[in-house]
Protein backbone atom coordinates (compact mmCIF):
# COMPACT_ATOMS: atom_id res chain seq x y z
CA UNK A 1 111.11 48.53 78.85
CA UNK A 2 108.35 46.33 80.14
CA UNK A 3 106.67 49.37 81.93
CA UNK A 4 106.64 51.43 78.62
CA UNK A 5 105.11 48.13 76.70
CA UNK A 6 102.28 47.88 79.42
CA UNK A 7 101.61 51.63 79.04
CA UNK A 8 100.90 50.90 75.42
CA UNK A 9 99.07 48.21 75.73
CA UNK A 10 96.72 50.22 78.20
CA UNK A 11 96.53 53.17 75.80
CA UNK A 12 95.66 50.85 73.14
CA UNK A 13 92.81 49.22 75.08
CA UNK A 14 91.42 52.51 76.31
CA UNK A 15 91.46 54.05 72.83
CA UNK A 16 89.56 51.19 71.23
CA UNK A 17 87.07 51.17 74.35
CA UNK A 18 86.47 54.87 73.40
CA UNK A 19 86.18 54.43 69.47
CA UNK A 20 83.61 51.48 69.60
CA UNK A 21 81.61 53.20 72.13
CA UNK A 22 81.67 56.15 70.00
CA UNK A 23 81.08 54.30 66.73
CA UNK A 24 77.90 52.30 68.84
CA UNK A 25 76.46 56.01 69.83
CA UNK A 26 76.86 57.41 65.99
CA UNK A 27 74.97 54.14 64.94
CA UNK A 28 72.34 54.59 67.39
CA UNK A 29 71.88 58.38 66.83
CA UNK A 30 71.74 57.88 62.77
CA UNK A 31 69.08 54.93 63.22
CA UNK A 32 67.02 57.69 65.20
CA UNK A 33 67.25 59.75 62.50
CA UNK A 34 69.57 62.43 64.74
CA UNK A 35 72.20 63.38 61.85
CA UNK A 36 73.77 66.25 63.35
CA UNK A 37 74.51 64.63 66.58
CA UNK A 38 75.44 61.31 64.51
CA UNK A 39 77.85 63.48 62.43
CA UNK A 40 79.47 65.01 65.36
CA UNK A 41 80.18 61.98 67.25
CA UNK A 42 81.63 60.62 63.91
CA UNK A 43 84.32 63.57 63.83
CA UNK A 44 85.54 62.35 67.32
CA UNK A 45 84.92 58.55 66.63
CA UNK A 46 87.35 58.76 63.47
CA UNK A 47 89.77 60.79 64.99
CA UNK A 48 90.07 58.33 68.02
CA UNK A 49 90.05 55.61 65.39
CA UNK A 50 93.04 56.58 63.69
CA UNK A 51 95.03 57.52 66.65
CA UNK A 52 94.22 53.55 67.90
CA UNK A 53 94.93 51.93 64.59
CA UNK A 54 98.13 54.06 63.91
CA UNK A 55 99.45 53.11 67.69
CA UNK A 56 98.83 49.43 67.03
CA UNK A 57 100.54 49.81 63.05
CA UNK A 58 103.59 51.64 64.45
CA UNK A 59 104.17 48.62 66.79
CA UNK A 60 102.38 45.57 64.76
CA UNK A 61 105.42 43.35 65.93
CA UNK A 62 104.01 43.71 69.47
CA UNK A 63 101.48 40.96 69.71
CA UNK A 64 100.35 42.16 72.99
CA UNK A 65 99.37 45.77 71.23
CA UNK A 66 97.04 43.64 68.69
CA UNK A 67 95.47 41.50 71.64
CA UNK A 68 94.75 44.99 73.51
CA UNK A 69 93.50 46.41 70.20
CA UNK A 70 90.90 43.44 69.87
CA UNK A 71 90.06 43.28 73.67
CA UNK A 72 89.35 46.73 73.69
CA UNK A 73 86.94 46.61 70.49
CA UNK A 74 84.88 43.75 72.34
CA UNK A 75 84.92 45.67 75.48
CA UNK A 76 83.66 48.66 73.87
CA UNK A 77 80.84 46.65 72.15
CA UNK A 78 79.57 46.00 75.88
CA UNK A 79 80.08 49.73 76.77
CA UNK A 80 78.44 51.06 73.77
CA UNK A 81 75.39 48.94 74.59
CA UNK A 82 75.41 49.79 78.28
CA UNK A 83 75.39 53.60 77.26
CA UNK A 84 72.69 52.66 74.84
CA UNK A 85 70.52 51.12 77.56
CA UNK A 86 71.02 54.14 79.97
CA UNK A 87 70.49 56.65 77.12
CA UNK A 88 66.99 54.95 76.01
CA UNK A 89 66.46 57.16 73.35
CA UNK A 90 63.12 57.19 71.45
CA UNK A 91 60.00 55.34 72.12
CA UNK A 92 58.79 51.84 71.97
CA UNK A 93 55.32 50.25 70.92
CA UNK A 94 54.18 47.23 72.99
CA UNK A 95 51.22 45.28 71.96
CA UNK A 96 49.91 43.61 74.68
CA UNK A 97 47.01 40.47 74.25
CA UNK A 98 44.94 39.14 77.15
CA UNK A 99 43.21 35.83 77.00
CA UNK A 100 40.91 37.56 79.41
CA UNK A 101 38.69 40.37 77.77
CA UNK A 102 37.37 41.10 81.01
CA UNK A 103 40.35 42.52 82.72
CA UNK A 104 40.30 46.18 83.19
CA UNK A 105 43.61 46.41 81.51
CA UNK A 106 43.03 49.65 79.34
CA UNK A 107 41.89 51.85 82.62
CA UNK A 108 44.87 50.42 84.56
CA UNK A 109 47.27 51.24 82.04
CA UNK A 110 45.81 54.70 81.52
CA UNK A 111 45.86 55.56 85.14
CA UNK A 112 49.52 54.97 85.16
CA UNK A 113 50.17 57.37 82.27
CA UNK A 114 50.62 55.34 79.37
CA UNK A 115 48.73 56.23 76.11
CA UNK A 116 46.67 52.71 75.44
CA UNK A 117 44.50 51.93 72.29
CA UNK A 118 42.43 48.34 72.70
CA UNK A 119 40.10 46.45 71.07
CA UNK A 120 38.52 42.94 71.27
CA UNK A 121 40.13 40.48 68.96
CA UNK A 122 39.52 36.43 68.41
CA UNK A 123 42.34 34.17 68.86
CA UNK A 124 42.52 30.31 68.51
CA UNK A 125 40.95 29.74 72.07
CA UNK A 126 38.40 32.48 71.95
CA UNK A 127 38.03 36.22 72.89
CA UNK A 128 41.22 38.53 73.53
CA UNK A 129 41.60 41.98 74.60
CA UNK A 130 44.59 43.34 72.45
CA UNK A 131 46.16 46.74 73.58
CA UNK A 132 49.06 48.81 71.88
CA UNK A 133 50.87 50.89 74.16
CA UNK A 134 53.32 53.65 73.24
CA UNK A 135 55.78 54.74 75.71
CA UNK A 136 59.22 56.42 76.03
CA UNK A 137 61.92 53.65 76.13
CA UNK A 138 63.10 54.33 79.60
CA UNK A 139 59.61 53.32 80.66
CA UNK A 140 59.90 49.97 78.90
CA UNK A 141 60.70 47.98 81.93
CA UNK A 142 58.34 49.45 84.06
CA UNK A 143 55.35 48.70 81.52
CA UNK A 144 56.24 45.16 81.27
CA UNK A 145 56.13 45.16 85.05
CA UNK A 146 52.73 47.03 84.85
CA UNK A 147 51.42 44.53 82.30
CA UNK A 148 52.51 41.21 84.28
CA UNK A 149 51.07 42.59 87.40
CA UNK A 150 47.68 43.10 85.83
CA UNK A 151 47.77 39.67 83.63
CA UNK A 152 50.53 37.50 84.26
CA UNK A 153 49.63 35.26 81.16
CA UNK A 154 49.30 38.25 78.89
CA UNK A 155 51.49 38.00 75.69
CA UNK A 156 53.66 40.88 74.86
CA UNK A 157 55.46 41.75 71.84
CA UNK A 158 57.45 45.13 71.62
CA UNK A 159 59.07 47.17 68.57
CA UNK A 160 60.46 50.82 67.86
CA UNK A 161 58.50 52.99 65.89
CA UNK A 162 60.48 54.81 63.26
CA UNK A 163 58.07 57.80 63.24
CA UNK A 164 55.21 59.11 65.31
CA UNK A 165 53.15 61.92 64.23
CA UNK A 166 49.76 63.22 65.97
CA UNK A 167 47.43 61.44 68.42
CA UNK A 168 46.55 61.85 72.32
CA UNK A 169 50.02 60.41 73.31
CA UNK A 170 52.39 62.95 71.34
CA UNK A 171 50.29 66.12 72.41
CA UNK A 172 49.34 65.41 75.91
CA UNK A 173 51.07 62.84 77.98
CA UNK A 174 55.02 62.98 76.83
CA UNK A 175 55.68 61.01 80.08
CA UNK A 176 54.63 63.19 82.69
CA UNK A 177 52.46 60.82 84.76
CA UNK A 178 55.07 58.10 83.68
CA UNK A 179 58.09 59.84 85.24
CA UNK A 180 55.83 60.44 88.52
CA UNK A 181 54.95 56.62 88.76
CA UNK A 182 58.80 55.95 87.92
CA UNK A 183 59.61 58.19 90.81
CA UNK A 184 57.16 56.60 93.05
CA UNK A 185 58.62 53.13 91.95
CA UNK A 186 62.51 54.22 92.75
CA UNK A 187 61.21 55.61 96.11
CA UNK A 188 59.83 52.01 97.26
């Protein structure tokens, strides 16, 4: 009896982890505008959801099943977020403001493979160099490290663009130099 109860709890836990991970994936693809991928994931998501919920509702008098369902949901959120981090779908736009406009920021970042647009700006305490950098999300942390290496005091703010059209970056770079840079960093 105890063994079958433990098996049921484990099944419910695993089913809900899978369900919430699929839900997270579907939401990510929906937000990225990948409707067919999102719809396909949604088919599997709802199937797993119905099975998991059915198992709990059929055994609602067993509190451990409800707890397993709730724990599976929480763990599924974490697993889904980890999957999203690994997939790193899309692009990130990073705005950098350096308090020292004489630092050769633009040249150094372009040499690493980033598409950079820069301009001089004026801040509260004087001249600044402002940069806008577009990169695939999988290179986001590498970009932050490159910026900090060039100017540890730089102000950095990032956001995800919804749509990208045209420009040097989309036509030419597409991450080729960035990939080599990433491989070089991983080899160290």
